[in-house]
Every structure is written in structure tokens, then in C-alpha cells.
C-alpha atoms as a PDB file:
ATOM      1  CA  MET A   1     -14.167  42.253 -67.179  1.00  0.00           C
ATOM      2  CA  LEU A   2     -11.405  39.594 -67.232  1.00  0.00           C
ATOM      3  CA  VAL A   3      -9.294  41.660 -64.810  1.00  0.00           C
ATOM      4  CA  PHE A   4     -12.266  41.848 -62.424  1.00  0.00           C
ATOM      5  CA  SER A   5     -12.692  38.030 -62.549  1.00  0.00           C
ATOM      6  CA  ILE A   6      -8.996  37.404 -61.884  1.00  0.00           C
ATOM      7  CA  GLN A   7      -9.059  39.802 -58.929  1.00  0.00           C
ATOM      8  CA  LYS A   8     -12.201  38.156 -57.583  1.00  0.00           C
ATOM      9  CA  CYS A   9     -10.697  34.669 -57.927  1.00  0.00           C
ATOM     10  CA  THR A  10      -7.468  35.822 -56.295  1.00  0.00           C
ATOM     11  CA  THR A  11      -9.401  37.321 -53.375  1.00  0.00           C
ATOM     12  CA  LEU A  12     -11.468  34.144 -52.934  1.00  0.00           C
ATOM     13  CA  LEU A  13      -8.360  31.963 -53.137  1.00  0.00           C
ATOM     14  CA  MET A  14      -6.568  34.086 -50.526  1.00  0.00           C
ATOM     15  CA  ALA A  15      -9.613  33.960 -48.240  1.00  0.00           C
ATOM     16  CA  ALA A  16      -9.789  30.175 -48.620  1.00  0.00           C
ATOM     17  CA  LEU A  17      -6.081  29.837 -47.808  1.00  0.00           C
ATOM     18  CA  VAL A  18      -6.505  31.980 -44.688  1.00  0.00           C
ATOM     19  CA  VAL A  19      -9.437  29.816 -43.536  1.00  0.00           C
ATOM     20  CA  VAL A  20      -7.474  26.591 -44.156  1.00  0.00           C
ATOM     21  CA  GLY A  21      -4.433  28.029 -42.358  1.00  0.00           C
ATOM     22  CA  LEU A  22      -6.539  29.040 -39.365  1.00  0.00           C
ATOM     23  CA  TYR A  23      -8.087  25.581 -39.282  1.00  0.00           C
ATOM     24  CA  PHE A  24      -4.703  23.838 -39.161  1.00  0.00           C
ATOM     25  CA  CYS A  25      -3.321  26.267 -36.569  1.00  0.00           C
ATOM     26  CA  GLY A  26      -6.441  25.773 -34.452  1.00  0.00           C
ATOM     27  CA  SER A  27      -6.156  21.983 -34.737  1.00  0.00           C
ATOM     28  CA  GLY A  28      -2.546  22.107 -33.578  1.00  0.00           C
ATOM     29  CA  LEU A  29      -3.363  24.376 -30.650  1.00  0.00           C
ATOM     30  CA  TYR A  30      -6.297  22.125 -29.708  1.00  0.00           C
ATOM     31  CA  ILE A  31      -3.913  19.211 -29.070  1.00  0.00           C
ATOM     32  CA  TYR A  32      -1.813  21.288 -26.658  1.00  0.00           C
ATOM     33  CA  ALA A  33      -4.883  22.789 -24.960  1.00  0.00           C
ATOM     34  CA  LYS A  34      -6.419  19.332 -24.461  1.00  0.00           C
ATOM     35  CA  ALA A  35      -3.189  18.012 -22.951  1.00  0.00           C
ATOM     36  CA  GLU A  36      -2.982  20.963 -20.526  1.00  0.00           C
ATOM     37  CA  LEU A  37      -6.655  20.764 -19.497  1.00  0.00           C
ATOM     38  CA  ALA A  38      -6.344  17.034 -18.921  1.00  0.00           C
ATOM     39  CA  GLN A  39      -3.413  17.586 -16.547  1.00  0.00           C
ATOM     40  CA  GLN A  40      -5.556  19.993 -14.497  1.00  0.00           C
ATOM     41  CA  LEU A  41      -8.428  17.492 -14.312  1.00  0.00           C
ATOM     42  CA  MET A  42      -5.931  14.777 -13.413  1.00  0.00           C
ATOM     43  CA  ALA A  43      -4.614  16.950 -10.557  1.00  0.00           C
ATOM     44  CA  ARG A  44      -8.044  16.949  -8.984  1.00  0.00           C
ATOM     45  CA  ALA A  45      -8.438  13.194  -9.468  1.00  0.00           C
ATOM     46  CA  TRP A  46      -4.938  12.605  -8.037  1.00  0.00           C
ATOM     47  CA  SER A  47      -5.757  14.571  -4.884  1.00  0.00           C
ATOM     48  CA  GLN A  48      -8.872  12.469  -4.395  1.00  0.00           C
ATOM     49  CA  THR A  49      -6.882   9.263  -4.981  1.00  0.00           C
ATOM     50  CA  LEU A  50      -4.378  10.201  -2.249  1.00  0.00           C
ATOM     51  CA  GLU A  51      -7.215  11.188   0.126  1.00  0.00           C
ATOM     52  CA  ASN A  52      -8.860   7.792  -0.494  1.00  0.00           C
ATOM     53  CA  SER A  53      -5.738   5.723   0.372  1.00  0.00           C
ATOM     54  CA  GLY A  54      -4.844   5.004  -3.253  1.00  0.00           C
ATOM     55  CA  THR A  55      -8.307   4.115  -4.504  1.00  0.00           C
ATOM     56  CA  PRO A  56      -8.269   5.162  -8.199  1.00  0.00           C
ATOM     57  CA  THR A  57     -10.323   8.228  -9.077  1.00  0.00           C
ATOM     58  CA  LYS A  58     -11.241   9.090 -12.667  1.00  0.00           C
ATOM     59  CA  ALA A  59     -10.805  12.689 -13.795  1.00  0.00           C
ATOM     60  CA  TRP A  60     -14.218  12.606 -15.493  1.00  0.00           C
ATOM     61  CA  PRO A  61     -16.956   9.954 -15.278  1.00  0.00           C
ATOM     62  CA  TRP A  62     -16.459   8.362 -18.728  1.00  0.00           C
ATOM     63  CA  ALA A  63     -12.633   8.317 -18.578  1.00  0.00           C
ATOM     64  CA  ASP A  64     -11.002   4.966 -19.358  1.00  0.00           C
ATOM     65  CA  THR A  65      -7.873   5.897 -17.377  1.00  0.00           C
ATOM     66  CA  TRP A  66      -6.876   7.532 -14.095  1.00  0.00           C
ATOM     67  CA  PRO A  67      -3.677   8.826 -12.490  1.00  0.00           C
ATOM     68  CA  VAL A  68      -1.487   6.192 -10.821  1.00  0.00           C
ATOM     69  CA  ALA A  69       1.580   8.336 -10.065  1.00  0.00           C
ATOM     70  CA  TYR A  70       2.910  11.891 -10.121  1.00  0.00           C
ATOM     71  CA  MET A  71       6.272  12.519 -11.775  1.00  0.00           C
ATOM     72  CA  GLU A  72       8.587  15.472 -11.189  1.00  0.00           C
ATOM     73  CA  ILE A  73      11.828  16.381 -12.963  1.00  0.00           C
ATOM     74  CA  PRO A  74      12.988  19.353 -10.850  1.00  0.00           C
ATOM     75  CA  THR A  75      15.796  20.571 -13.133  1.00  0.00           C
ATOM     76  CA  GLN A  76      13.346  21.046 -16.018  1.00  0.00           C
ATOM     77  CA  ASN A  77      10.356  22.113 -13.910  1.00  0.00           C
ATOM     78  CA  ILE A  78       8.349  19.151 -15.253  1.00  0.00           C
ATOM     79  CA  ARG A  79       5.336  17.872 -13.326  1.00  0.00           C
ATOM     80  CA  LEU A  80       3.115  15.212 -14.891  1.00  0.00           C
ATOM     81  CA  TYR A  81       0.463  12.726 -13.833  1.00  0.00           C
ATOM     82  CA  ILE A  82       1.122   9.218 -15.077  1.00  0.00           C
ATOM     83  CA  LEU A  83      -2.022   7.451 -16.223  1.00  0.00           C
ATOM     84  CA  SER A  84      -3.089   3.852 -15.648  1.00  0.00           C
ATOM     85  CA  ASN A  85      -2.548   2.704 -19.241  1.00  0.00           C
ATOM     86  CA  SER A  86      -0.800   3.694 -22.435  1.00  0.00           C
ATOM     87  CA  SER A  87      -3.617   3.358 -24.955  1.00  0.00           C
ATOM     88  CA  GLY A  88      -3.767   5.959 -27.720  1.00  0.00           C
ATOM     89  CA  GLU A  89      -6.732   7.614 -26.032  1.00  0.00           C
ATOM     90  CA  ALA A  90      -4.963   7.822 -22.677  1.00  0.00           C
ATOM     91  CA  LEU A  91      -1.726   9.209 -24.153  1.00  0.00           C
ATOM     92  CA  ALA A  92      -3.652  12.171 -25.515  1.00  0.00           C
ATOM     93  CA  PHE A  93      -4.158  13.235 -21.884  1.00  0.00           C
ATOM     94  CA  GLY A  94      -0.801  12.365 -20.359  1.00  0.00           C
ATOM     95  CA  PRO A  95       1.973   9.798 -20.196  1.00  0.00           C
ATOM     96  CA  GLY A  96       0.771   6.290 -19.427  1.00  0.00           C
ATOM     97  CA  HIS A  97       2.070   3.207 -17.649  1.00  0.00           C
ATOM     98  CA  LEU A  98       2.491   0.224 -19.969  1.00  0.00           C
ATOM     99  CA  THR A  99       0.271  -2.286 -18.162  1.00  0.00           C
ATOM    100  CA  THR A 100       2.273  -5.314 -19.330  1.00  0.00           C
ATOM    101  CA  THR A 101       5.198  -4.082 -17.206  1.00  0.00           C
ATOM    102  CA  PRO A 102       5.541  -4.090 -13.405  1.00  0.00           C
ATOM    103  CA  THR A 103       3.548  -1.621 -11.323  1.00  0.00           C
ATOM    104  CA  LEU A 104       5.435   1.625 -10.801  1.00  0.00           C
ATOM    105  CA  GLY A 105       7.823   1.323  -7.869  1.00  0.00           C
ATOM    106  CA  SER A 106       7.839  -2.478  -7.801  1.00  0.00           C
ATOM    107  CA  PHE A 107      10.604  -4.941  -8.719  1.00  0.00           C
ATOM    108  CA  GLY A 108      11.530  -5.011 -12.413  1.00  0.00           C
ATOM    109  CA  THR A 109      11.410  -2.204 -14.970  1.00  0.00           C
ATOM    110  CA  SER A 110       8.224  -0.180 -15.295  1.00  0.00           C
ATOM    111  CA  ILE A 111       7.702   1.445 -18.689  1.00  0.00           C
ATOM    112  CA  VAL A 112       5.953   4.794 -19.083  1.00  0.00           C
ATOM    113  CA  ALA A 113       5.151   6.071 -22.589  1.00  0.00           C
ATOM    114  CA  GLY A 114       4.314   9.594 -23.690  1.00  0.00           C
ATOM    115  CA  HIS A 115       3.983  11.610 -26.877  1.00  0.00           C
ATOM    116  CA  ARG A 116       7.137  13.265 -28.206  1.00  0.00           C
ATOM    117  CA  ASP A 117       5.318  16.469 -29.147  1.00  0.00           C
ATOM    118  CA  THR A 118       3.520  17.084 -25.846  1.00  0.00           C
ATOM    119  CA  HIS A 119       4.185  15.494 -22.442  1.00  0.00           C
ATOM    120  CA  PHE A 120       7.504  13.757 -23.199  1.00  0.00           C
ATOM    121  CA  ASN A 121       8.996  16.465 -25.391  1.00  0.00           C
ATOM    122  CA  PHE A 122      11.241  17.399 -22.439  1.00  0.00           C
ATOM    123  CA  LEU A 123      13.172  14.116 -22.803  1.00  0.00           C
ATOM    124  CA  GLN A 124      15.232  15.572 -25.641  1.00  0.00           C
ATOM    125  CA  HIS A 125      16.761  17.987 -23.090  1.00  0.00           C
ATOM    126  CA  SER A 126      17.332  15.425 -20.314  1.00  0.00           C
ATOM    127  CA  LYS A 127      20.801  14.525 -19.072  1.00  0.00           C
ATOM    128  CA  ILE A 128      22.482  11.529 -17.455  1.00  0.00           C
ATOM    129  CA  GLY A 129      22.205  11.854 -13.662  1.00  0.00           C
ATOM    130  CA  GLU A 130      19.042  13.977 -13.808  1.00  0.00           C
ATOM    131  CA  ARG A 131      16.640  13.255 -10.938  1.00  0.00           C
ATOM    132  CA  ILE A 132      13.123  11.938 -11.409  1.00  0.00           C
ATOM    133  CA  ILE A 133      10.811  11.873  -8.399  1.00  0.00           C
ATOM    134  CA  LEU A 134       7.738   9.637  -8.458  1.00  0.00           C
ATOM    135  CA  THR A 135       4.913   9.887  -5.954  1.00  0.00           C
ATOM    136  CA  LEU A 136       2.925   6.662  -5.994  1.00  0.00           C
ATOM    137  CA  ASN A 137      -0.811   6.375  -5.332  1.00  0.00           C
ATOM    138  CA  ASN A 138      -0.121   5.270  -1.748  1.00  0.00           C
ATOM    139  CA  GLY A 139       1.741   8.545  -1.130  1.00  0.00           C
ATOM    140  CA  ALA A 140       5.211   6.966  -1.131  1.00  0.00           C
ATOM    141  CA  ARG A 141       7.926   8.949  -2.923  1.00  0.00           C
ATOM    142  CA  GLN A 142      10.660   7.262  -4.914  1.00  0.00           C
ATOM    143  CA  GLU A 143      13.671   8.950  -6.413  1.00  0.00           C
ATOM    144  CA  TYR A 144      15.397   7.879  -9.631  1.00  0.00           C
ATOM    145  CA  GLN A 145      18.357   9.066 -11.669  1.00  0.00           C
ATOM    146  CA  ILE A 146      18.622   8.852 -15.436  1.00  0.00           C
ATOM    147  CA  THR A 147      21.390   6.356 -16.202  1.00  0.00           C
ATOM    148  CA  ASP A 148      21.258   5.935 -19.984  1.00  0.00           C
ATOM    149  CA  PHE A 149      19.562   6.880 -23.240  1.00  0.00           C
ATOM    150  CA  MET A 150      18.817   4.555 -26.147  1.00  0.00           C
ATOM    151  CA  ILE A 151      17.236   4.794 -29.566  1.00  0.00           C
ATOM    152  CA  VAL A 152      15.549   1.482 -30.316  1.00  0.00           C
ATOM    153  CA  ASP A 153      13.088  -0.185 -32.653  1.00  0.00           C
ATOM    154  CA  ALA A 154       9.595  -0.272 -31.141  1.00  0.00           C
ATOM    155  CA  ALA A 155       9.323  -4.027 -31.726  1.00  0.00           C
ATOM    156  CA  GLN A 156      12.780  -4.823 -30.306  1.00  0.00           C
ATOM    157  CA  SER A 157      13.471  -2.362 -27.525  1.00  0.00           C
ATOM    158  CA  GLY A 158      15.723  -4.629 -25.498  1.00  0.00           C
ATOM    159  CA  ILE A 159      13.959  -3.532 -22.295  1.00  0.00           C
ATOM    160  CA  ASP A 160      13.281  -6.522 -20.057  1.00  0.00           C
ATOM    161  CA  PRO A 161      10.450  -5.622 -17.657  1.00  0.00           C
ATOM    162  CA  GLN A 162      11.407  -8.529 -15.399  1.00  0.00           C
ATOM    163  CA  SER A 163      14.946  -7.254 -14.762  1.00  0.00           C
ATOM    164  CA  GLY A 164      15.911  -4.311 -12.613  1.00  0.00           C
ATOM    165  CA  GLU A 165      15.306  -3.359  -9.023  1.00  0.00           C
ATOM    166  CA  GLY A 166      12.346  -1.078  -9.435  1.00  0.00           C
ATOM    167  CA  ASP A 167      13.763   0.686 -12.494  1.00  0.00           C
ATOM    168  CA  LEU A 168      11.977   3.066 -14.824  1.00  0.00           C
ATOM    169  CA  ALA A 169      12.009   3.479 -18.606  1.00  0.00           C
ATOM    170  CA  LEU A 170      10.488   6.611 -20.153  1.00  0.00           C
ATOM    171  CA  VAL A 171       9.691   5.988 -23.832  1.00  0.00           C
ATOM    172  CA  THR A 172       8.614   8.262 -26.681  1.00  0.00           C
ATOM    173  CA  CYS A 173       8.712   8.314 -30.478  1.00  0.00           C
ATOM    174  CA  PHE A 174      11.890   9.454 -32.209  1.00  0.00           C
ATOM    175  CA  PRO A 175      12.989  11.766 -33.761  1.00  0.00           C
ATOM    176  CA  PHE A 176      11.509  14.505 -31.590  1.00  0.00           C
ATOM    177  CA  ASP A 177      10.837  16.840 -34.512  1.00  0.00           C
ATOM    178  CA  GLY A 178       9.220  14.100 -36.617  1.00  0.00           C
ATOM    179  CA  ILE A 179       5.684  14.548 -37.889  1.00  0.00           C
ATOM    180  CA  THR A 180       4.957  11.077 -39.224  1.00  0.00           C
ATOM    181  CA  PRO A 181       4.582   7.775 -37.352  1.00  0.00           C
ATOM    182  CA  THR A 182       7.860   5.990 -36.741  1.00  0.00           C
ATOM    183  CA  GLN A 183       9.121   2.668 -35.416  1.00  0.00           C
ATOM    184  CA  GLU A 184      12.038   4.335 -33.612  1.00  0.00           C
ATOM    185  CA  ARG A 185      11.731   5.039 -29.883  1.00  0.00           C
ATOM    186  CA  PHE A 186      13.795   7.239 -27.598  1.00  0.00           C
ATOM    187  CA  VAL A 187      14.242   5.632 -24.173  1.00  0.00           C
ATOM    188  CA  ALA A 188      15.483   7.271 -20.988  1.00  0.00           C
ATOM    189  CA  LEU A 189      16.456   4.599 -18.464  1.00  0.00           C
ATOM    190  CA  ALA A 190      16.410   5.495 -14.778  1.00  0.00           C
ATOM    191  CA  SER A 191      17.179   3.628 -11.589  1.00  0.00           C
ATOM    192  CA  LYS A 192      17.064   4.298  -7.882  1.00  0.00           C
ATOM    193  CA  PRO A 193      20.324   5.868  -6.675  1.00  0.00           C
ATOM    194  CA  HIS A 194      22.537   3.535  -4.689  1.00  0.00           C
ATOM    195  CA  SER A 195      23.471   4.632  -1.179  1.00  0.00           C
ATOM    196  CA  SER A 196      27.199   4.942  -0.573  1.00  0.00           C
END
């Protein structure tokens, strides 16, 4: 009788562990699936924005963000829509422009933030000199090159949005394999190549 109870408890415990494991795996996959689906919805909204001379188009009616630029990193086959803000809700769907910094493509340094485990995970493989191509909502294309990498404190990044000649800073949490919130940020600085 005791052996039967131990076997029954063991079976129930194993079943419970399988259910919990499936739940956590499913939750993790959900984050990646949501990020991918959002990029597809953003693609449609981006096309409509370009067709409407830059008039912002939301990817779904209740969205609190919309695409403001399209970013390509050819060497890594990265293509992402940059969203109009960098709120926590927006970053779940794609990298976002920090609205307290200059508009993308304008004078100064525009900051774009993204999550280290989804959209900006590629930054850990980036290299100095790598090209970044931005298409702005007016259809203009601007090319950048990565010039430097920094690891900074989130509260004291040293990035001055008012300096630069239309520069770009891509920012994500650091370290890349971290699973808890952190104050450290990985920054990839990029500027427009100078003509010789």
C-alpha cells in the first residue's frame, strides 16, 4: 500500500513538473512570437506610412506607437522597424526611438533602445565599421557606420543628444545573457560616413 502511494505521488509530481516546464517554455516562446508578429504588422503600417507621405500609421487601432523608420544591418541580415517611442509596451514590439532625443536623421544624436534578448540581441555580434541603413518616414535613406561601443550606467550614459551631426546610438541592456534587470547598458555609436 505504501509503495503504491509513493509511486502515485511520484507520478503526480512528475506530471506537475512537466506542466510547469511546458508553461515556462511556452511563456518564453510567446515573447519571441509576439516580437515577430509585431514586426509583420509594423511592415504593413510602414508601407502605408510611406504611401501617405510620412503620415504615421498604427499597426493596429489601439496601438500607442507606430513605425518611424526602417533599419537594416546588411552584414547580419537584420531588418527592423523603429517605433515612435521607447516605452516598455512599445519595446515589446520592436526597438523604439527615445523621444527626448532628436528625430532620427536630424542634427544631434538620436537614441534607439531595444531589448537585449529579442530585437537588439544582434548588437553583441556587431563590429566597428559595420553599416547601418535607415529609411526615414519621408522615404529618405541615410547610411551610418558603427564607430564605437561602450558599456555605461543607465543613469550616466555620457551620450549628449545635442552633439553630433545626425548620429545614432543603439542602446540595450547588458550583459546580453543576463536574465535580471540591470543598470548597465551596451551602446553602439554610429555616425554618417565622411566623404573623402
